Structure formats: C-alpha cells, structure tokens
N, C-alpha and C. Protein backbone atom coordinates (compact mmCIF):
# COMPACT_ATOMS: atom_id res chain seq x y z
N MET A 1 -10.41 21.89 -17.81
CA MET A 1 -9.99 20.40 -17.13
C MET A 1 -10.98 19.55 -16.92
N THR A 2 -10.87 18.78 -17.83
CA THR A 2 -11.66 17.98 -17.93
C THR A 2 -11.74 16.75 -16.71
N LEU A 3 -12.38 15.83 -15.92
CA LEU A 3 -12.21 14.68 -15.59
C LEU A 3 -11.13 13.91 -15.90
N ASN A 4 -11.63 13.30 -17.11
CA ASN A 4 -10.48 12.41 -17.43
C ASN A 4 -9.40 12.87 -17.55
N ASN A 5 -8.90 13.97 -17.63
CA ASN A 5 -7.45 14.44 -17.62
C ASN A 5 -6.77 14.34 -15.94
N THR A 6 -7.67 14.46 -15.09
CA THR A 6 -7.79 14.68 -13.17
C THR A 6 -6.50 13.77 -13.05
N TYR A 7 -7.09 12.32 -13.23
CA TYR A 7 -6.46 11.23 -12.92
C TYR A 7 -5.50 10.54 -13.55
N GLN A 8 -4.54 10.90 -13.63
CA GLN A 8 -3.67 9.86 -14.66
C GLN A 8 -2.49 9.20 -14.11
N VAL A 9 -2.13 9.63 -13.03
CA VAL A 9 -1.51 8.45 -12.56
C VAL A 9 -2.16 8.23 -11.10
N ILE A 10 -2.27 6.95 -10.92
CA ILE A 10 -2.88 6.37 -9.57
C ILE A 10 -1.75 5.37 -8.92
N LEU A 11 -1.83 5.87 -7.38
CA LEU A 11 -1.18 4.97 -6.78
C LEU A 11 -2.11 4.33 -5.44
N ILE A 12 -2.02 2.77 -5.80
CA ILE A 12 -2.88 2.26 -4.94
C ILE A 12 -1.89 1.16 -3.92
N ALA A 13 -2.04 1.26 -2.89
CA ALA A 13 -1.19 1.07 -1.60
C ALA A 13 -1.86 -0.19 -1.00
N THR A 14 -0.91 -1.35 -1.10
CA THR A 14 -1.62 -2.59 -0.75
C THR A 14 -0.67 -3.25 -0.15
N ASP A 15 -1.18 -3.84 1.02
CA ASP A 15 -0.66 -4.82 2.52
C ASP A 15 -1.29 -6.21 1.87
N GLY A 16 -1.78 -6.55 0.89
CA GLY A 16 -2.31 -8.02 0.41
C GLY A 16 -3.38 -8.36 1.17
N SER A 17 -3.89 -7.60 2.36
CA SER A 17 -5.16 -8.02 3.20
C SER A 17 -6.47 -7.85 2.12
N LYS A 18 -7.35 -8.33 2.52
CA LYS A 18 -8.71 -8.67 1.97
C LYS A 18 -8.57 -7.53 1.78
N CYS A 19 -9.02 -6.45 2.17
CA CYS A 19 -9.68 -4.90 2.22
C CYS A 19 -8.66 -4.53 1.16
N SER A 20 -7.36 -4.67 0.92
CA SER A 20 -6.52 -3.63 0.17
C SER A 20 -6.50 -4.73 -1.25
N GLN A 21 -6.84 -5.88 -1.25
CA GLN A 21 -7.51 -6.40 -2.74
C GLN A 21 -8.63 -5.81 -3.06
N HIS A 22 -9.36 -5.51 -2.24
CA HIS A 22 -10.65 -4.69 -2.68
C HIS A 22 -10.53 -3.25 -2.98
N ALA A 23 -9.31 -2.51 -2.30
CA ALA A 23 -8.83 -1.08 -3.05
C ALA A 23 -8.65 -1.58 -4.44
N VAL A 24 -7.61 -2.89 -4.41
CA VAL A 24 -6.72 -2.65 -5.64
C VAL A 24 -7.68 -2.61 -6.85
N LEU A 25 -9.04 -4.02 -6.77
CA LEU A 25 -10.27 -3.94 -8.18
C LEU A 25 -10.74 -2.27 -8.18
N HIS A 26 -10.97 -1.42 -6.99
CA HIS A 26 -11.56 -0.09 -7.06
C HIS A 26 -10.32 0.52 -7.81
N GLY A 27 -9.04 0.76 -7.56
CA GLY A 27 -8.31 1.63 -8.26
C GLY A 27 -8.05 0.96 -9.78
N MET A 28 -8.25 0.24 -10.30
CA MET A 28 -7.92 -0.41 -11.30
C MET A 28 -9.24 -0.03 -12.05
N GLU A 29 -10.45 0.01 -11.63
CA GLU A 29 -11.68 -0.03 -12.19
C GLU A 29 -11.15 1.87 -12.91
N LEU A 30 -11.12 2.46 -11.79
CA LEU A 30 -10.91 3.75 -11.66
C LEU A 30 -10.05 4.49 -12.73
N ALA A 31 -8.80 3.25 -12.72
CA ALA A 31 -7.57 3.90 -13.75
C ALA A 31 -8.13 3.63 -15.12
N LYS A 32 -9.01 2.54 -15.40
CA LYS A 32 -9.27 2.17 -16.70
C LYS A 32 -10.19 2.99 -17.37
N LEU A 33 -11.27 3.59 -16.10
CA LEU A 33 -11.96 4.44 -16.69
C LEU A 33 -11.20 6.27 -16.81
N MET A 34 -10.02 6.25 -16.76
CA MET A 34 -9.32 7.07 -16.65
C MET A 34 -8.41 7.24 -17.75
N GLY A 35 -8.22 6.00 -18.21
CA GLY A 35 -6.99 5.57 -19.16
C GLY A 35 -5.49 6.13 -18.07
N ALA A 36 -5.23 5.99 -16.70
CA ALA A 36 -4.56 6.21 -16.30
C ALA A 36 -3.55 5.12 -16.04
N LYS A 37 -2.27 5.63 -15.79
CA LYS A 37 -1.12 4.57 -15.09
C LYS A 37 -1.23 4.08 -13.76
N VAL A 38 -0.86 2.89 -13.37
CA VAL A 38 -0.86 2.68 -11.87
C VAL A 38 0.10 2.23 -11.25
N TYR A 39 0.54 2.67 -10.17
CA TYR A 39 1.58 2.08 -9.36
C TYR A 39 0.91 1.56 -8.16
N ALA A 40 1.27 0.28 -7.92
CA ALA A 40 1.12 -0.74 -6.36
C ALA A 40 2.21 -0.53 -5.82
N LEU A 41 2.00 -0.04 -4.64
CA LEU A 41 3.05 0.03 -3.49
C LEU A 41 2.63 -0.74 -2.51
N TYR A 42 3.61 -1.65 -2.29
CA TYR A 42 3.63 -2.90 -0.88
C TYR A 42 4.78 -2.26 0.16
N VAL A 43 4.73 -1.64 1.07
CA VAL A 43 5.88 -1.25 2.15
C VAL A 43 6.04 -2.30 2.94
N LEU A 44 7.36 -2.72 2.76
CA LEU A 44 7.76 -4.09 3.97
C LEU A 44 8.22 -3.34 5.38
N ASP A 45 7.39 -3.28 5.95
CA ASP A 45 7.78 -2.76 7.59
C ASP A 45 8.09 -3.80 8.43
N LYS A 46 9.72 -3.43 8.74
CA LYS A 46 10.10 -4.28 9.49
C LYS A 46 9.81 -4.33 10.79
N ASN A 47 9.68 -2.65 11.25
CA ASN A 47 9.33 -2.29 12.53
C ASN A 47 8.04 -2.68 13.63
N ALA A 48 7.14 -3.57 12.61
CA ALA A 48 6.33 -3.76 12.74
C ALA A 48 6.12 -5.09 13.33
N TYR A 49 7.39 -5.87 13.34
CA TYR A 49 7.73 -6.71 13.79
C TYR A 49 8.71 -7.05 14.96
N VAL A 50 9.08 -5.76 15.23
CA VAL A 50 10.33 -6.05 15.98
C VAL A 50 9.70 -5.59 17.26
N PRO A 51 10.38 -6.66 18.46
CA PRO A 51 9.75 -5.94 20.27
C PRO A 51 10.31 -4.91 20.21
N PRO A 52 9.50 -3.93 21.22
CA PRO A 52 10.25 -2.76 21.78
C PRO A 52 11.41 -3.02 22.41
N THR A 53 11.68 -1.91 22.43
CA THR A 53 13.34 -1.51 23.58
C THR A 53 13.47 -2.51 24.79
N LEU A 54 13.94 -3.52 24.97
CA LEU A 54 13.94 -4.25 26.37
C LEU A 54 15.52 -4.27 26.97
N GLU A 55 15.50 -3.85 28.13
CA GLU A 55 16.54 -4.10 29.09
C GLU A 55 17.67 -5.09 28.34
N THR A 56 17.13 -6.42 28.31
CA THR A 56 17.99 -7.88 28.00
C THR A 56 17.66 -7.52 26.61
N PRO A 57 18.72 -7.49 25.73
CA PRO A 57 18.17 -7.95 24.19
C PRO A 57 18.11 -9.31 23.59
N ILE A 58 16.72 -9.36 22.85
CA ILE A 58 16.51 -10.85 22.57
C ILE A 58 17.29 -11.18 21.16
N TYR A 59 18.26 -12.12 20.71
CA TYR A 59 18.86 -12.28 19.26
C TYR A 59 17.66 -13.28 18.59
N LEU A 60 17.31 -12.62 17.60
CA LEU A 60 16.25 -13.46 16.75
C LEU A 60 17.10 -14.34 15.97
N GLY A 61 18.31 -14.07 15.72
CA GLY A 61 18.98 -14.89 14.85
C GLY A 61 18.15 -14.98 13.29
N SER A 62 18.03 -16.38 13.17
CA SER A 62 17.78 -17.22 11.74
C SER A 62 16.24 -16.94 11.57
N LYS A 63 15.53 -16.58 12.78
CA LYS A 63 14.38 -16.10 12.92
C LYS A 63 13.74 -15.36 12.20
N TRP A 64 14.95 -14.04 12.24
CA TRP A 64 14.23 -12.78 11.57
C TRP A 64 14.62 -13.08 10.23
N ASP A 65 15.11 -13.79 9.84
CA ASP A 65 15.46 -14.12 8.64
C ASP A 65 14.16 -14.39 7.81
N VAL A 66 13.76 -15.53 8.51
CA VAL A 66 12.13 -16.23 8.07
C VAL A 66 11.08 -15.16 8.23
N ILE A 67 11.07 -14.23 8.92
CA ILE A 67 10.29 -13.22 9.30
C ILE A 67 10.10 -12.40 7.99
N GLU A 68 11.73 -11.91 7.98
CA GLU A 68 11.70 -11.11 6.78
C GLU A 68 11.39 -11.92 5.13
N GLU A 69 11.94 -12.79 5.28
CA GLU A 69 11.39 -13.49 3.70
C GLU A 69 9.98 -13.54 3.55
N THR A 70 9.24 -13.82 4.59
CA THR A 70 7.90 -13.82 4.81
C THR A 70 7.06 -12.64 4.07
N LEU A 71 7.45 -11.67 4.79
CA LEU A 71 7.18 -10.42 4.43
C LEU A 71 7.68 -9.98 3.15
N ARG A 72 8.44 -10.39 2.87
CA ARG A 72 8.92 -10.01 1.12
C ARG A 72 8.11 -10.80 0.15
N GLN A 73 7.82 -12.17 0.67
CA GLN A 73 6.98 -12.95 -0.08
C GLN A 73 5.46 -12.39 -0.09
N GLU A 74 5.10 -12.03 0.93
CA GLU A 74 4.08 -11.58 0.92
C GLU A 74 3.49 -9.62 0.21
N GLY A 75 4.61 -9.11 0.09
CA GLY A 75 5.02 -8.09 -0.74
C GLY A 75 4.95 -8.63 -2.28
N ASP A 76 5.56 -9.48 -2.17
CA ASP A 76 5.51 -9.97 -4.03
C ASP A 76 4.21 -10.50 -4.17
N ASN A 77 3.58 -11.50 -3.71
CA ASN A 77 2.16 -11.84 -3.71
C ASN A 77 0.78 -10.33 -3.78
N ALA A 78 1.15 -9.77 -3.07
CA ALA A 78 0.14 -8.39 -3.33
C ALA A 78 0.60 -7.91 -4.27
N ILE A 79 1.85 -7.31 -4.73
CA ILE A 79 1.69 -6.80 -6.36
C ILE A 79 1.47 -7.67 -7.43
N GLN A 80 2.12 -8.93 -7.36
CA GLN A 80 1.17 -9.93 -8.44
C GLN A 80 -0.13 -10.22 -8.75
N TYR A 81 -0.76 -10.06 -7.23
CA TYR A 81 -2.18 -10.00 -7.77
C TYR A 81 -2.53 -8.50 -8.21
N ALA A 82 -2.25 -7.29 -7.83
CA ALA A 82 -2.60 -5.68 -8.75
C ALA A 82 -2.31 -6.17 -10.06
N ASN A 83 -0.59 -6.62 -10.27
CA ASN A 83 -0.72 -6.88 -11.78
C ASN A 83 -1.30 -7.71 -12.73
N ASN A 84 -1.87 -8.71 -11.97
CA ASN A 84 -2.98 -9.77 -12.24
C ASN A 84 -4.20 -8.80 -12.81
N VAL A 85 -4.57 -8.02 -12.01
CA VAL A 85 -5.95 -7.07 -12.48
C VAL A 85 -5.57 -6.26 -13.20
N ALA A 86 -4.47 -5.57 -13.14
CA ALA A 86 -4.09 -4.79 -14.29
C ALA A 86 -4.22 -5.34 -15.51
N GLN A 87 -3.26 -6.18 -16.00
CA GLN A 87 -3.13 -7.15 -16.82
C GLN A 87 -4.22 -7.38 -17.48
N SER A 88 -5.48 -7.76 -17.07
CA SER A 88 -6.66 -8.53 -17.19
C SER A 88 -7.71 -7.23 -17.80
N LYS A 89 -6.91 -6.04 -17.14
CA LYS A 89 -7.71 -4.83 -17.83
C LYS A 89 -7.11 -3.66 -19.01
N GLY A 90 -5.72 -4.11 -19.20
CA GLY A 90 -5.40 -3.85 -20.07
C GLY A 90 -4.93 -2.10 -19.51
N ILE A 91 -4.58 -2.14 -18.20
CA ILE A 91 -3.77 -1.02 -17.45
C ILE A 91 -2.31 -0.58 -17.67
N ASP A 92 -1.73 0.54 -18.00
CA ASP A 92 -0.60 0.97 -17.76
C ASP A 92 -0.26 0.39 -16.35
N PHE A 93 0.82 -0.31 -16.12
CA PHE A 93 0.95 -0.89 -14.68
C PHE A 93 2.30 -0.83 -14.15
N GLU A 94 2.73 -0.70 -13.15
CA GLU A 94 4.35 -0.87 -12.22
C GLU A 94 4.25 -1.12 -11.03
N GLY A 95 4.59 -2.12 -10.66
CA GLY A 95 4.51 -2.78 -9.07
C GLY A 95 5.32 -2.66 -8.30
N VAL A 96 5.77 -1.90 -6.94
CA VAL A 96 7.00 -1.69 -6.55
C VAL A 96 6.48 -1.95 -4.96
N VAL A 97 7.89 -2.67 -4.36
CA VAL A 97 8.17 -3.23 -2.70
C VAL A 97 9.15 -2.14 -2.46
N ILE A 98 8.66 -1.56 -1.46
CA ILE A 98 9.78 -1.04 -0.69
C ILE A 98 9.86 -0.94 0.51
N GLU A 99 11.26 -1.00 1.31
CA GLU A 99 10.92 -1.01 2.93
C GLU A 99 10.87 0.23 3.45
N GLY A 100 10.00 0.12 4.66
CA GLY A 100 9.98 1.39 5.91
C GLY A 100 8.65 1.48 6.14
N ASN A 101 8.50 3.01 6.76
CA ASN A 101 7.23 3.39 7.36
C ASN A 101 6.10 3.51 6.42
N PRO A 102 5.08 2.56 6.34
CA PRO A 102 4.17 2.64 5.57
C PRO A 102 3.63 3.75 5.06
N ALA A 103 3.48 4.61 6.18
CA ALA A 103 2.54 6.07 5.76
C ALA A 103 3.84 6.59 5.01
N ASN A 104 4.58 6.76 5.54
CA ASN A 104 5.88 7.76 5.25
C ASN A 104 6.18 7.48 3.87
N VAL A 105 6.28 6.45 3.58
CA VAL A 105 6.69 5.82 2.33
C VAL A 105 5.76 5.71 1.37
N ILE A 106 4.30 5.74 1.73
CA ILE A 106 3.56 5.89 0.62
C ILE A 106 3.00 7.81 0.35
N LEU A 107 3.36 8.55 1.38
CA LEU A 107 3.22 9.60 1.03
C LEU A 107 4.87 10.53 -0.08
N GLU A 108 6.02 9.66 0.27
CA GLU A 108 6.89 9.99 -0.09
C GLU A 108 6.68 9.76 -1.79
N PHE A 109 6.43 8.67 -1.71
CA PHE A 109 6.20 8.07 -3.48
C PHE A 109 5.15 8.90 -3.87
N ALA A 110 4.08 8.96 -3.66
CA ALA A 110 3.13 9.77 -4.46
C ALA A 110 4.23 11.08 -4.47
N GLU A 111 4.50 11.83 -3.72
CA GLU A 111 5.29 12.72 -4.56
C GLU A 111 6.11 13.08 -5.59
N GLN A 112 7.10 11.64 -4.97
CA GLN A 112 7.83 11.71 -6.03
C GLN A 112 7.83 11.09 -7.80
N LYS A 113 6.26 10.19 -7.45
CA LYS A 113 5.68 10.05 -9.05
C LYS A 113 4.98 10.97 -9.66
N LYS A 114 4.61 11.92 -8.49
CA LYS A 114 3.33 13.18 -9.00
C LYS A 114 2.14 12.51 -9.16
N VAL A 115 1.56 11.39 -8.48
CA VAL A 115 0.31 10.87 -8.57
C VAL A 115 -0.75 11.79 -8.20
N ASN A 116 -1.82 11.50 -8.85
CA ASN A 116 -2.75 12.51 -8.66
C ASN A 116 -3.79 11.85 -7.84
N MET A 117 -3.64 10.70 -7.37
CA MET A 117 -4.75 10.08 -6.34
C MET A 117 -4.03 8.39 -5.46
N ILE A 118 -4.38 8.67 -4.48
CA ILE A 118 -3.79 7.21 -3.64
C ILE A 118 -5.06 6.88 -3.19
N VAL A 119 -5.13 5.29 -3.76
CA VAL A 119 -5.97 4.71 -3.37
C VAL A 119 -5.59 3.26 -2.45
N MET A 120 -6.37 3.47 -1.08
CA MET A 120 -5.64 2.51 -0.29
C MET A 120 -7.67 1.83 0.55
N GLY A 121 -7.05 0.88 0.78
CA GLY A 121 -8.27 0.30 1.99
C GLY A 121 -8.66 1.02 3.52
N THR A 122 -9.66 0.65 3.94
CA THR A 122 -9.78 1.20 5.27
C THR A 122 -9.10 0.19 6.61
N LEU A 123 -8.73 -0.62 6.29
CA LEU A 123 -8.02 -1.56 7.23
C LEU A 123 -7.19 -2.69 6.51
N GLY A 124 -6.08 -2.90 7.48
CA GLY A 124 -4.89 -3.31 6.82
C GLY A 124 -4.59 -4.38 7.56
N LYS A 125 -3.40 -4.62 7.80
CA LYS A 125 -2.82 -5.59 8.44
C LYS A 125 -2.31 -5.01 10.16
N GLY A 126 -2.23 -3.95 10.07
CA GLY A 126 -1.89 -3.16 11.23
C GLY A 126 -2.17 -3.73 12.74
N GLY A 127 -3.16 -4.17 13.24
CA GLY A 127 -3.61 -5.00 14.39
C GLY A 127 -3.68 -3.73 15.39
N LEU A 128 -2.77 -4.10 16.38
CA LEU A 128 -3.02 -3.28 17.84
C LEU A 128 -2.08 -2.22 17.31
N GLU A 129 -1.24 -1.88 16.32
CA GLU A 129 -0.55 -0.76 16.13
C GLU A 129 -1.51 0.16 15.59
N ARG A 130 -2.62 -0.32 15.40
CA ARG A 130 -3.98 0.77 14.41
C ARG A 130 -4.66 1.32 15.83
N PHE A 131 -4.33 0.76 16.89
CA PHE A 131 -5.30 1.38 17.84
C PHE A 131 -4.07 2.73 18.83
N LEU A 132 -3.05 1.84 18.78
CA LEU A 132 -1.87 2.88 19.43
C LEU A 132 -1.11 3.78 18.78
N LEU A 133 -0.88 3.71 17.46
CA LEU A 133 -0.24 4.85 16.71
C LEU A 133 -1.16 5.65 16.05
N GLY A 134 -2.32 4.97 15.16
CA GLY A 134 -3.03 5.23 14.26
C GLY A 134 -2.99 4.61 12.88
N SER A 135 -3.81 4.57 12.59
CA SER A 135 -3.62 3.79 11.11
C SER A 135 -3.16 4.38 9.72
N VAL A 136 -2.37 3.70 9.13
CA VAL A 136 -1.65 4.59 7.98
C VAL A 136 -2.37 4.70 7.15
N THR A 137 -3.77 4.18 7.12
CA THR A 137 -5.09 5.36 6.00
C THR A 137 -5.00 6.69 6.60
N ASP A 138 -5.38 6.60 8.06
CA ASP A 138 -5.56 8.21 8.95
C ASP A 138 -4.21 8.56 8.69
N LYS A 139 -2.70 7.99 8.63
CA LYS A 139 -2.21 9.32 8.35
C LYS A 139 -1.69 9.83 7.28
N VAL A 140 -2.19 8.86 6.23
CA VAL A 140 -1.91 9.04 4.69
C VAL A 140 -3.10 10.47 4.55
N ILE A 141 -4.22 10.15 4.61
CA ILE A 141 -5.11 11.04 4.60
C ILE A 141 -4.98 12.30 5.11
N ARG A 142 -4.39 12.48 6.42
CA ARG A 142 -4.14 13.79 7.20
C ARG A 142 -3.07 14.19 6.42
N HIS A 143 -1.99 13.99 6.00
CA HIS A 143 -0.90 14.31 5.60
C HIS A 143 -0.69 14.54 4.06
N SER A 144 -1.28 13.95 3.27
CA SER A 144 -1.05 13.87 2.11
C SER A 144 -1.65 15.19 0.67
N LYS A 145 -0.78 15.36 0.12
CA LYS A 145 -1.09 16.85 -0.84
C LYS A 145 -2.10 16.18 -1.68
N ARG A 146 -1.99 14.75 -2.03
CA ARG A 146 -2.81 14.29 -2.88
C ARG A 146 -4.59 13.93 -2.61
N SER A 147 -5.31 13.77 -3.56
CA SER A 147 -6.49 13.19 -3.65
C SER A 147 -6.48 11.47 -2.68
N VAL A 148 -7.07 11.31 -1.87
CA VAL A 148 -6.92 10.16 -1.11
C VAL A 148 -8.14 9.48 -1.54
N LEU A 149 -8.58 7.57 -1.95
CA LEU A 149 -9.81 7.34 -2.15
C LEU A 149 -9.58 6.02 -1.15
N VAL A 150 -10.45 6.30 0.04
CA VAL A 150 -10.25 5.07 1.07
C VAL A 150 -11.21 4.16 0.65
N VAL A 151 -11.49 2.92 0.52
CA VAL A 151 -12.53 1.77 -0.05
C VAL A 151 -12.60 1.22 1.52
N LYS A 152 -13.68 1.21 1.78
CA LYS A 152 -14.51 0.01 2.61
C LYS A 152 -14.22 -1.18 2.32
N GLU A 153 -14.08 -2.25 3.44
CA GLU A 153 -13.90 -3.30 3.85
C GLU A 153 -14.87 -3.79 2.86
N LYS A 154 -14.73 -4.72 1.83
CA LYS A 154 -16.20 -5.55 1.28
C LYS A 154 -16.76 -6.65 2.30
N ASN A 155 -18.09 -6.22 2.60
CA ASN A 155 -19.26 -7.15 3.38
C ASN A 155 -19.55 -8.50 3.00
C-alpha cells in the first residue's frame, strides 16, 4: 500500500472558528496531495445553548428560533468557507450540516462514510463546556477508529 492510497476520503470537522478554518486549509492541502474526496461537517449543537434543567422552566419562545437560525447560518458559512477552499484547489467536495452531539456525530459520520482520516482543530467554540465535559477534539481522538489529524491554532 502506498501513501497515496492511504487517505482517499477525508472528513474535516468544522465549527466555523478561526482554528477550524486553519484545519480546513490543512485538510484540503492534504486532500489535494492525496487526490482524496473531502467531506466537511458542521454539527449544529443545540444543547450547547440550552440552560441546564431548572425547577422553574424558562420559556425561550421566539428567542430560541433566533438562536437556532444563527447556528444554522454559522454552519452554512463554515461549509461555504470549506467549499470555496475545495473549489480553488479542484478537490472533490461535499459539505454537510447535521444536528446532534458534535463528537458523536463526527464519529458516526466517519464510520458511515468510511473516511480514512478526520481533520479538526485543537480549539473550537466550546468555551466553558471544554473544561467541564472535555473537548470535542479530545472525545474524537479517544474514540475514533480512524486516524485523526489535529491542527493547532495558528499563532
């Protein structure tokens, strides 16, 4: 097996952050060198914006619709950025936005599409959740059956 045949399908997980945009650039460069197909995946994580369960329910009403629309727009922008990079490099590309838990969705998507490598940034938009629950990147690294390339934030 040659290195050129090793990475034929690459998954780039993006959340639209600067660090994940840097990962997109690295993943696309690798895909170009390998002649690989690229999937860019944005996971719409509604639970990251829902307050913990309280004894007194809070009605978010139309405010939740605004939050959800903002998240969907963020996902569309992240996928569009990856698409623009792929087109500029002539890479076979498909962008996907899926709702769910980011780490779980990334791992399931990688299995379903039989990707050879997952590319993602070290830091995303996790904020406080990173310290309380562990980062999405850490979870993917620990549970993935696929190789994971972690791209550090550009200094």
